[in-house]
N, C-alpha and C. Protein backbone atom coordinates (compact mmCIF):
# COMPACT_ATOMS: atom_id res chain seq x y z
N THR A 1 -7.22 -4.47 -4.94
CA THR A 1 -6.60 -5.78 -4.91
C THR A 1 -5.31 -5.74 -5.72
N PRO A 2 -4.22 -6.22 -5.15
CA PRO A 2 -2.94 -6.15 -5.85
C PRO A 2 -2.81 -7.14 -7.00
N LEU A 3 -1.89 -6.83 -7.85
CA LEU A 3 -1.52 -7.68 -8.97
C LEU A 3 -1.14 -9.07 -8.45
N TYR A 4 -1.61 -10.09 -9.13
CA TYR A 4 -1.31 -11.51 -8.87
C TYR A 4 -1.87 -12.05 -7.56
N ALA A 5 -2.75 -11.32 -6.92
CA ALA A 5 -3.38 -11.85 -5.71
C ALA A 5 -4.34 -12.97 -6.11
N ASP A 6 -4.39 -13.99 -5.32
CA ASP A 6 -5.29 -15.12 -5.52
C ASP A 6 -6.61 -14.77 -4.83
N THR A 7 -7.63 -14.47 -5.63
CA THR A 7 -8.91 -14.05 -5.07
C THR A 7 -10.03 -14.96 -5.57
N THR A 8 -11.20 -14.81 -4.99
CA THR A 8 -12.33 -15.63 -5.44
C THR A 8 -12.75 -15.26 -6.85
N THR A 9 -12.55 -14.01 -7.24
CA THR A 9 -12.93 -13.59 -8.59
C THR A 9 -11.80 -13.73 -9.60
N ALA A 10 -10.59 -13.91 -9.12
CA ALA A 10 -9.43 -14.10 -10.01
C ALA A 10 -8.49 -15.12 -9.38
N PRO A 11 -8.91 -16.39 -9.39
CA PRO A 11 -8.06 -17.41 -8.77
C PRO A 11 -6.75 -17.62 -9.51
N PHE A 12 -5.71 -17.87 -8.76
CA PHE A 12 -4.38 -18.12 -9.33
C PHE A 12 -4.36 -19.57 -9.80
N GLY A 13 -4.19 -19.76 -11.10
CA GLY A 13 -4.17 -21.11 -11.65
C GLY A 13 -3.18 -21.23 -12.78
N LYS A 14 -3.33 -22.29 -13.57
CA LYS A 14 -2.40 -22.53 -14.67
C LYS A 14 -2.57 -21.50 -15.79
N LYS A 15 -3.79 -21.06 -16.02
CA LYS A 15 -4.04 -20.12 -17.12
C LYS A 15 -4.08 -18.67 -16.67
N ILE A 16 -4.50 -18.43 -15.45
CA ILE A 16 -4.60 -17.06 -14.94
C ILE A 16 -3.79 -16.96 -13.66
N PRO A 17 -2.81 -16.03 -13.63
CA PRO A 17 -1.97 -15.90 -12.43
C PRO A 17 -2.59 -14.98 -11.38
N GLY A 18 -3.82 -15.25 -10.99
CA GLY A 18 -4.48 -14.37 -10.03
C GLY A 18 -4.97 -13.12 -10.72
N LYS A 19 -5.09 -12.05 -9.98
CA LYS A 19 -5.56 -10.79 -10.55
C LYS A 19 -4.51 -10.26 -11.52
N THR A 20 -4.91 -9.99 -12.74
CA THR A 20 -3.94 -9.61 -13.77
C THR A 20 -3.83 -8.10 -13.98
N GLN A 21 -4.65 -7.33 -13.31
CA GLN A 21 -4.55 -5.87 -13.42
C GLN A 21 -3.89 -5.33 -12.15
N PRO A 22 -3.04 -4.31 -12.31
CA PRO A 22 -2.46 -3.71 -11.10
C PRO A 22 -3.54 -3.00 -10.28
N ARG A 23 -3.28 -2.82 -8.99
CA ARG A 23 -4.27 -2.12 -8.17
C ARG A 23 -4.31 -0.66 -8.56
N LYS A 24 -5.47 -0.08 -8.40
CA LYS A 24 -5.63 1.34 -8.73
C LYS A 24 -4.92 2.19 -7.69
N ASP A 25 -4.33 3.28 -8.13
CA ASP A 25 -3.67 4.21 -7.23
C ASP A 25 -4.73 5.21 -6.75
N LEU A 26 -5.48 4.81 -5.74
CA LEU A 26 -6.58 5.64 -5.25
C LEU A 26 -6.11 6.98 -4.70
N PHE A 27 -4.91 6.99 -4.14
CA PHE A 27 -4.35 8.25 -3.65
C PHE A 27 -4.20 9.24 -4.81
N ALA A 28 -3.60 8.79 -5.90
CA ALA A 28 -3.40 9.66 -7.07
C ALA A 28 -4.74 10.08 -7.68
N ILE A 29 -5.69 9.17 -7.68
CA ILE A 29 -7.02 9.49 -8.22
C ILE A 29 -7.67 10.60 -7.38
N ALA A 30 -7.56 10.48 -6.06
CA ALA A 30 -8.14 11.50 -5.18
C ALA A 30 -7.47 12.85 -5.40
N VAL A 31 -6.15 12.85 -5.46
CA VAL A 31 -5.41 14.10 -5.67
C VAL A 31 -5.78 14.72 -7.02
N ALA A 32 -5.94 13.89 -8.02
CA ALA A 32 -6.28 14.38 -9.36
C ALA A 32 -7.63 15.09 -9.40
N HIS A 33 -8.45 14.84 -8.40
CA HIS A 33 -9.76 15.51 -8.34
C HIS A 33 -9.69 16.88 -7.68
N GLY A 34 -8.50 17.32 -7.36
CA GLY A 34 -8.33 18.68 -6.87
C GLY A 34 -8.70 18.91 -5.42
N ILE A 35 -8.73 17.86 -4.63
CA ILE A 35 -9.06 18.05 -3.21
C ILE A 35 -7.88 18.70 -2.49
N PRO A 36 -8.14 19.40 -1.39
CA PRO A 36 -7.04 20.09 -0.71
C PRO A 36 -6.12 19.18 0.11
N TYR A 37 -6.61 18.01 0.51
CA TYR A 37 -5.78 17.16 1.38
C TYR A 37 -6.07 15.68 1.12
N ALA A 38 -4.99 14.90 1.05
CA ALA A 38 -5.09 13.44 0.95
C ALA A 38 -3.89 12.85 1.67
N ALA A 39 -4.07 11.67 2.23
CA ALA A 39 -2.98 11.01 2.94
C ALA A 39 -3.18 9.50 2.92
N THR A 40 -2.07 8.79 3.04
CA THR A 40 -2.13 7.35 3.24
C THR A 40 -1.71 7.06 4.68
N VAL A 41 -2.34 6.05 5.27
CA VAL A 41 -2.06 5.70 6.66
C VAL A 41 -2.01 4.18 6.82
N SER A 42 -1.41 3.77 7.92
CA SER A 42 -1.33 2.37 8.30
C SER A 42 -1.69 2.27 9.78
N ILE A 43 -2.45 1.26 10.15
CA ILE A 43 -2.85 1.15 11.56
C ILE A 43 -1.67 0.91 12.49
N TYR A 44 -0.59 0.35 11.98
CA TYR A 44 0.58 0.15 12.84
C TYR A 44 1.19 1.48 13.27
N HIS A 45 1.25 2.42 12.35
CA HIS A 45 1.84 3.73 12.61
C HIS A 45 0.74 4.67 13.12
N TRP A 46 0.27 4.39 14.31
CA TRP A 46 -0.91 5.09 14.82
C TRP A 46 -0.68 6.57 15.07
N ASN A 47 0.53 6.98 15.44
CA ASN A 47 0.79 8.42 15.63
C ASN A 47 0.65 9.16 14.31
N ASP A 48 1.18 8.57 13.25
CA ASP A 48 1.07 9.14 11.91
C ASP A 48 -0.40 9.19 11.50
N LEU A 49 -1.12 8.11 11.75
CA LEU A 49 -2.54 8.01 11.41
C LEU A 49 -3.34 9.10 12.13
N ILE A 50 -3.15 9.23 13.42
CA ILE A 50 -3.90 10.21 14.21
C ILE A 50 -3.59 11.64 13.75
N SER A 51 -2.32 11.93 13.53
CA SER A 51 -1.97 13.31 13.12
C SER A 51 -2.57 13.64 11.75
N LYS A 52 -2.60 12.68 10.86
CA LYS A 52 -3.18 12.94 9.54
C LYS A 52 -4.69 13.11 9.61
N ILE A 53 -5.34 12.34 10.44
CA ILE A 53 -6.79 12.50 10.61
C ILE A 53 -7.10 13.85 11.25
N GLN A 54 -6.33 14.21 12.27
CA GLN A 54 -6.54 15.51 12.91
C GLN A 54 -6.34 16.65 11.91
N LYS A 55 -5.32 16.53 11.08
CA LYS A 55 -5.07 17.56 10.07
C LYS A 55 -6.23 17.61 9.09
N ALA A 56 -6.69 16.46 8.63
CA ALA A 56 -7.79 16.41 7.66
C ALA A 56 -9.05 17.08 8.22
N LEU A 57 -9.27 16.92 9.51
CA LEU A 57 -10.46 17.52 10.13
C LEU A 57 -10.40 19.04 10.20
N THR A 58 -9.21 19.60 10.10
CA THR A 58 -9.07 21.06 10.18
C THR A 58 -9.14 21.74 8.81
N ILE A 59 -9.09 20.95 7.77
CA ILE A 59 -9.03 21.51 6.42
C ILE A 59 -10.43 21.71 5.86
N GLU A 60 -10.62 22.88 5.28
CA GLU A 60 -11.92 23.17 4.67
C GLU A 60 -11.99 22.49 3.31
N GLY A 61 -13.08 21.84 3.07
CA GLY A 61 -13.27 21.13 1.81
C GLY A 61 -13.07 19.64 1.99
N PRO A 62 -13.22 18.91 0.91
CA PRO A 62 -13.10 17.45 1.01
C PRO A 62 -11.66 17.01 1.27
N THR A 63 -11.52 15.98 2.06
CA THR A 63 -10.22 15.38 2.33
C THR A 63 -10.34 13.87 2.12
N PHE A 64 -9.20 13.21 1.98
CA PHE A 64 -9.20 11.78 1.68
C PHE A 64 -8.10 11.10 2.47
N ILE A 65 -8.47 10.11 3.26
CA ILE A 65 -7.51 9.30 4.01
C ILE A 65 -7.61 7.87 3.47
N LEU A 66 -6.51 7.37 2.95
CA LEU A 66 -6.47 6.01 2.41
C LEU A 66 -5.72 5.13 3.39
N SER A 67 -6.44 4.20 3.98
CA SER A 67 -5.85 3.33 5.00
C SER A 67 -5.67 1.91 4.46
N LEU A 68 -4.50 1.37 4.72
CA LEU A 68 -4.30 -0.05 4.44
C LEU A 68 -5.05 -0.80 5.54
N THR A 69 -6.06 -1.53 5.14
CA THR A 69 -6.89 -2.23 6.10
C THR A 69 -6.91 -3.71 5.75
N PRO A 70 -6.14 -4.51 6.47
CA PRO A 70 -6.12 -5.94 6.16
C PRO A 70 -7.50 -6.58 6.26
N CYS A 71 -7.79 -7.44 5.30
CA CYS A 71 -9.05 -8.18 5.26
C CYS A 71 -8.72 -9.62 5.68
N ILE A 72 -9.08 -9.97 6.88
CA ILE A 72 -8.70 -11.26 7.45
C ILE A 72 -9.11 -12.43 6.53
N PRO A 73 -10.39 -12.54 6.15
CA PRO A 73 -10.75 -13.70 5.31
C PRO A 73 -10.23 -13.58 3.87
N GLY A 74 -10.26 -12.39 3.30
CA GLY A 74 -9.83 -12.22 1.92
C GLY A 74 -8.33 -12.39 1.73
N TRP A 75 -7.57 -11.97 2.72
CA TRP A 75 -6.12 -12.09 2.64
C TRP A 75 -5.67 -13.45 3.16
N ASN A 76 -6.62 -14.17 3.73
CA ASN A 76 -6.37 -15.52 4.25
C ASN A 76 -5.18 -15.51 5.21
N MET A 77 -5.39 -14.81 6.31
CA MET A 77 -4.33 -14.62 7.29
C MET A 77 -4.88 -14.80 8.69
N PRO A 78 -4.03 -15.06 9.66
CA PRO A 78 -4.51 -15.19 11.04
C PRO A 78 -5.09 -13.87 11.57
N VAL A 79 -6.10 -13.98 12.38
CA VAL A 79 -6.81 -12.81 12.91
C VAL A 79 -5.87 -11.83 13.61
N GLY A 80 -4.94 -12.32 14.37
CA GLY A 80 -4.06 -11.44 15.15
C GLY A 80 -2.94 -10.78 14.37
N ASP A 81 -2.86 -11.02 13.07
CA ASP A 81 -1.73 -10.51 12.28
C ASP A 81 -1.99 -9.18 11.56
N ALA A 82 -3.16 -8.60 11.71
CA ALA A 82 -3.50 -7.40 10.95
C ALA A 82 -2.52 -6.25 11.18
N VAL A 83 -2.16 -6.01 12.41
CA VAL A 83 -1.26 -4.89 12.72
C VAL A 83 0.15 -5.18 12.20
N VAL A 84 0.60 -6.41 12.39
CA VAL A 84 1.94 -6.79 11.91
C VAL A 84 2.01 -6.68 10.39
N ILE A 85 0.97 -7.12 9.71
CA ILE A 85 0.95 -7.04 8.25
C ILE A 85 0.92 -5.58 7.80
N SER A 86 0.21 -4.74 8.53
CA SER A 86 0.20 -3.31 8.21
C SER A 86 1.60 -2.71 8.35
N LYS A 87 2.32 -3.15 9.36
CA LYS A 87 3.70 -2.70 9.57
C LYS A 87 4.58 -3.17 8.41
N LEU A 88 4.45 -4.44 8.04
CA LEU A 88 5.26 -4.99 6.94
C LEU A 88 4.96 -4.30 5.61
N ALA A 89 3.72 -3.92 5.41
CA ALA A 89 3.35 -3.23 4.17
C ALA A 89 4.15 -1.95 4.01
N VAL A 90 4.33 -1.23 5.10
CA VAL A 90 5.11 0.01 5.06
C VAL A 90 6.60 -0.31 4.97
N GLU A 91 7.06 -1.25 5.76
CA GLU A 91 8.50 -1.57 5.81
C GLU A 91 9.04 -2.14 4.50
N THR A 92 8.17 -2.74 3.70
CA THR A 92 8.61 -3.31 2.42
C THR A 92 8.39 -2.36 1.25
N GLY A 93 7.79 -1.21 1.52
CA GLY A 93 7.53 -0.25 0.45
C GLY A 93 6.23 -0.47 -0.28
N TYR A 94 5.50 -1.51 0.10
CA TYR A 94 4.22 -1.78 -0.55
C TYR A 94 3.24 -0.64 -0.29
N TRP A 95 3.31 -0.04 0.88
CA TRP A 95 2.35 1.00 1.28
C TRP A 95 3.10 2.22 1.80
N PRO A 96 3.56 3.10 0.90
CA PRO A 96 4.25 4.30 1.37
C PRO A 96 3.29 5.26 2.09
N LEU A 97 3.79 5.88 3.13
CA LEU A 97 2.99 6.83 3.90
C LEU A 97 3.30 8.23 3.39
N ILE A 98 2.29 8.86 2.79
CA ILE A 98 2.47 10.15 2.14
C ILE A 98 1.29 11.07 2.42
N GLU A 99 1.52 12.34 2.19
CA GLU A 99 0.47 13.35 2.33
C GLU A 99 0.50 14.28 1.13
N TYR A 100 -0.64 14.83 0.85
CA TYR A 100 -0.76 15.87 -0.17
C TYR A 100 -1.60 16.97 0.46
N GLU A 101 -1.06 18.18 0.45
CA GLU A 101 -1.83 19.30 1.00
C GLU A 101 -1.63 20.52 0.12
N ASN A 102 -2.72 20.93 -0.51
CA ASN A 102 -2.73 22.13 -1.36
C ASN A 102 -1.53 22.19 -2.31
N GLY A 103 -1.33 21.12 -3.04
CA GLY A 103 -0.29 21.09 -4.06
C GLY A 103 1.08 20.64 -3.59
N VAL A 104 1.23 20.38 -2.30
CA VAL A 104 2.53 19.98 -1.76
C VAL A 104 2.44 18.54 -1.25
N TYR A 105 3.39 17.73 -1.70
CA TYR A 105 3.47 16.34 -1.24
C TYR A 105 4.47 16.25 -0.10
N LYS A 106 4.19 15.37 0.85
CA LYS A 106 5.07 15.21 2.00
C LYS A 106 5.28 13.72 2.27
N TRP A 107 6.52 13.35 2.48
CA TRP A 107 6.93 11.97 2.79
C TRP A 107 6.93 11.80 4.30
N SER A 108 6.26 10.80 4.81
CA SER A 108 6.19 10.60 6.26
C SER A 108 7.50 10.07 6.81
N PRO A 109 7.93 10.59 7.96
CA PRO A 109 9.14 10.05 8.60
C PRO A 109 8.97 8.60 9.06
N ALA A 110 7.75 8.10 9.09
CA ALA A 110 7.51 6.71 9.47
C ALA A 110 7.94 5.73 8.38
N ASN A 111 8.16 6.24 7.17
CA ASN A 111 8.64 5.37 6.09
C ASN A 111 10.05 4.88 6.42
N PRO A 112 10.37 3.65 6.04
CA PRO A 112 11.69 3.11 6.38
C PRO A 112 12.81 3.74 5.56
N LYS A 113 13.98 3.78 6.15
CA LYS A 113 15.17 4.25 5.41
C LYS A 113 15.64 3.15 4.45
N GLN A 114 15.49 1.91 4.89
CA GLN A 114 15.89 0.75 4.10
C GLN A 114 14.69 -0.19 4.00
N LEU A 115 14.34 -0.59 2.79
CA LEU A 115 13.18 -1.47 2.61
C LEU A 115 13.53 -2.92 2.95
N LYS A 116 12.58 -3.57 3.58
CA LYS A 116 12.69 -5.02 3.80
C LYS A 116 12.26 -5.72 2.51
N PRO A 117 12.65 -6.97 2.34
CA PRO A 117 12.21 -7.71 1.15
C PRO A 117 10.68 -7.85 1.10
N ILE A 118 10.12 -7.64 -0.06
CA ILE A 118 8.66 -7.70 -0.23
C ILE A 118 8.11 -9.07 0.16
N GLU A 119 8.95 -10.09 0.07
CA GLU A 119 8.50 -11.44 0.43
C GLU A 119 8.02 -11.51 1.88
N GLU A 120 8.55 -10.67 2.74
CA GLU A 120 8.11 -10.67 4.14
C GLU A 120 6.64 -10.27 4.25
N PHE A 121 6.24 -9.31 3.44
CA PHE A 121 4.83 -8.89 3.42
C PHE A 121 3.97 -9.95 2.73
N LEU A 122 4.43 -10.43 1.60
CA LEU A 122 3.65 -11.39 0.81
C LEU A 122 3.46 -12.72 1.54
N SER A 123 4.50 -13.19 2.20
CA SER A 123 4.43 -14.52 2.82
C SER A 123 3.50 -14.56 4.03
N SER A 124 3.11 -13.40 4.52
CA SER A 124 2.20 -13.36 5.67
C SER A 124 0.74 -13.55 5.27
N GLN A 125 0.50 -13.69 3.96
CA GLN A 125 -0.87 -13.81 3.46
C GLN A 125 -0.96 -14.96 2.46
N LYS A 126 -1.90 -15.83 2.66
CA LYS A 126 -2.03 -16.99 1.78
C LYS A 126 -2.46 -16.60 0.37
N ARG A 127 -3.01 -15.42 0.19
CA ARG A 127 -3.44 -15.00 -1.15
C ARG A 127 -2.25 -14.84 -2.10
N PHE A 128 -1.03 -14.79 -1.55
CA PHE A 128 0.17 -14.66 -2.37
C PHE A 128 1.02 -15.93 -2.39
N ALA A 129 0.52 -17.02 -1.83
CA ALA A 129 1.32 -18.25 -1.75
C ALA A 129 1.79 -18.72 -3.12
N LYS A 130 0.93 -18.68 -4.10
CA LYS A 130 1.31 -19.15 -5.44
C LYS A 130 2.22 -18.15 -6.14
N LEU A 131 2.04 -16.88 -5.88
CA LEU A 131 2.93 -15.87 -6.45
C LEU A 131 4.36 -16.10 -5.97
N LEU A 132 4.51 -16.42 -4.70
CA LEU A 132 5.84 -16.64 -4.13
C LEU A 132 6.56 -17.83 -4.76
N LYS A 133 5.80 -18.71 -5.40
CA LYS A 133 6.40 -19.88 -6.05
C LYS A 133 6.67 -19.64 -7.53
N ASN A 134 6.39 -18.43 -8.01
CA ASN A 134 6.58 -18.10 -9.42
C ASN A 134 7.61 -16.97 -9.53
N PRO A 135 8.89 -17.31 -9.70
CA PRO A 135 9.96 -16.30 -9.69
C PRO A 135 9.77 -15.17 -10.70
N GLU A 136 9.27 -15.49 -11.87
CA GLU A 136 9.10 -14.47 -12.91
C GLU A 136 8.04 -13.43 -12.50
N LEU A 137 6.90 -13.90 -12.04
CA LEU A 137 5.84 -12.98 -11.62
C LEU A 137 6.22 -12.24 -10.34
N LEU A 138 6.91 -12.94 -9.45
CA LEU A 138 7.35 -12.31 -8.21
C LEU A 138 8.31 -11.15 -8.51
N GLU A 139 9.19 -11.35 -9.46
CA GLU A 139 10.13 -10.28 -9.83
C GLU A 139 9.37 -9.08 -10.40
N LYS A 140 8.37 -9.33 -11.22
CA LYS A 140 7.56 -8.23 -11.77
C LYS A 140 6.83 -7.50 -10.64
N PHE A 141 6.29 -8.26 -9.71
CA PHE A 141 5.59 -7.66 -8.57
C PHE A 141 6.55 -6.77 -7.78
N LYS A 142 7.74 -7.28 -7.50
CA LYS A 142 8.76 -6.50 -6.78
C LYS A 142 9.07 -5.20 -7.52
N GLN A 143 9.28 -5.31 -8.82
CA GLN A 143 9.61 -4.13 -9.61
C GLN A 143 8.49 -3.09 -9.56
N ASP A 144 7.25 -3.55 -9.62
CA ASP A 144 6.11 -2.64 -9.54
C ASP A 144 6.05 -1.93 -8.19
N VAL A 145 6.30 -2.67 -7.12
CA VAL A 145 6.28 -2.08 -5.77
C VAL A 145 7.38 -1.04 -5.64
N ILE A 146 8.57 -1.39 -6.06
CA ILE A 146 9.70 -0.46 -5.95
C ILE A 146 9.48 0.77 -6.83
N ALA A 147 8.95 0.57 -8.03
CA ALA A 147 8.69 1.71 -8.92
C ALA A 147 7.67 2.67 -8.29
N ASN A 148 6.64 2.14 -7.68
CA ASN A 148 5.64 2.98 -7.03
C ASN A 148 6.24 3.72 -5.84
N TYR A 149 7.03 3.02 -5.05
CA TYR A 149 7.68 3.62 -3.88
C TYR A 149 8.61 4.76 -4.31
N GLU A 150 9.42 4.48 -5.31
CA GLU A 150 10.36 5.49 -5.81
C GLU A 150 9.63 6.67 -6.45
N LYS A 151 8.53 6.39 -7.12
CA LYS A 151 7.72 7.47 -7.72
C LYS A 151 7.27 8.44 -6.65
N TYR A 152 6.75 7.91 -5.55
CA TYR A 152 6.26 8.79 -4.49
C TYR A 152 7.40 9.47 -3.72
N LYS A 153 8.52 8.80 -3.58
CA LYS A 153 9.67 9.47 -2.97
C LYS A 153 10.06 10.69 -3.81
N LYS A 154 10.09 10.50 -5.11
CA LYS A 154 10.48 11.59 -6.01
C LYS A 154 9.45 12.72 -5.97
N ILE A 155 8.17 12.37 -6.02
CA ILE A 155 7.12 13.38 -5.96
C ILE A 155 7.21 14.19 -4.66
N CYS A 156 7.58 13.50 -3.59
CA CYS A 156 7.68 14.15 -2.28
C CYS A 156 9.01 14.87 -2.10
N GLY A 157 9.89 14.77 -3.08
CA GLY A 157 11.17 15.46 -2.99
C GLY A 157 12.20 14.76 -2.13
N VAL A 158 12.02 13.45 -1.94
CA VAL A 158 12.94 12.68 -1.10
C VAL A 158 14.01 12.01 -1.94
N ALA A 159 13.68 11.63 -3.14
CA ALA A 159 14.62 10.87 -3.99
C ALA A 159 15.72 11.75 -4.53
């Protein structure tokens, strides 16, 4: 669950601005365990998703595929928007598409050359409605997203 998301366990209110802890970097956690292959995928970029799954199936040992999977009720979004939101997650830098294979990181060509404003991703989900009305927290959220995106670009040798 991302920082400042309005959830049932961390409602966004006057005293608590939604979830106050940043989301865990599960990709980094998986890689830190010494597995031979890990990747992030998005359902919108199905060619990238399929190729990464096919690659994972050929690798001996444990592999890890981390998929952005929209939760219709939890994200409080229309049923038909899951694929579009998955696309926006990548286009805004919220969900970089990356691979790790035997010590080598790879940046997916499906990642955008130019990031769209994070507000496009956030505004598609009601769980961020209150965050969008709080300029100070929104700026921190943006900075966190960009820092994560740039971190992985650098690790992948793109930056």
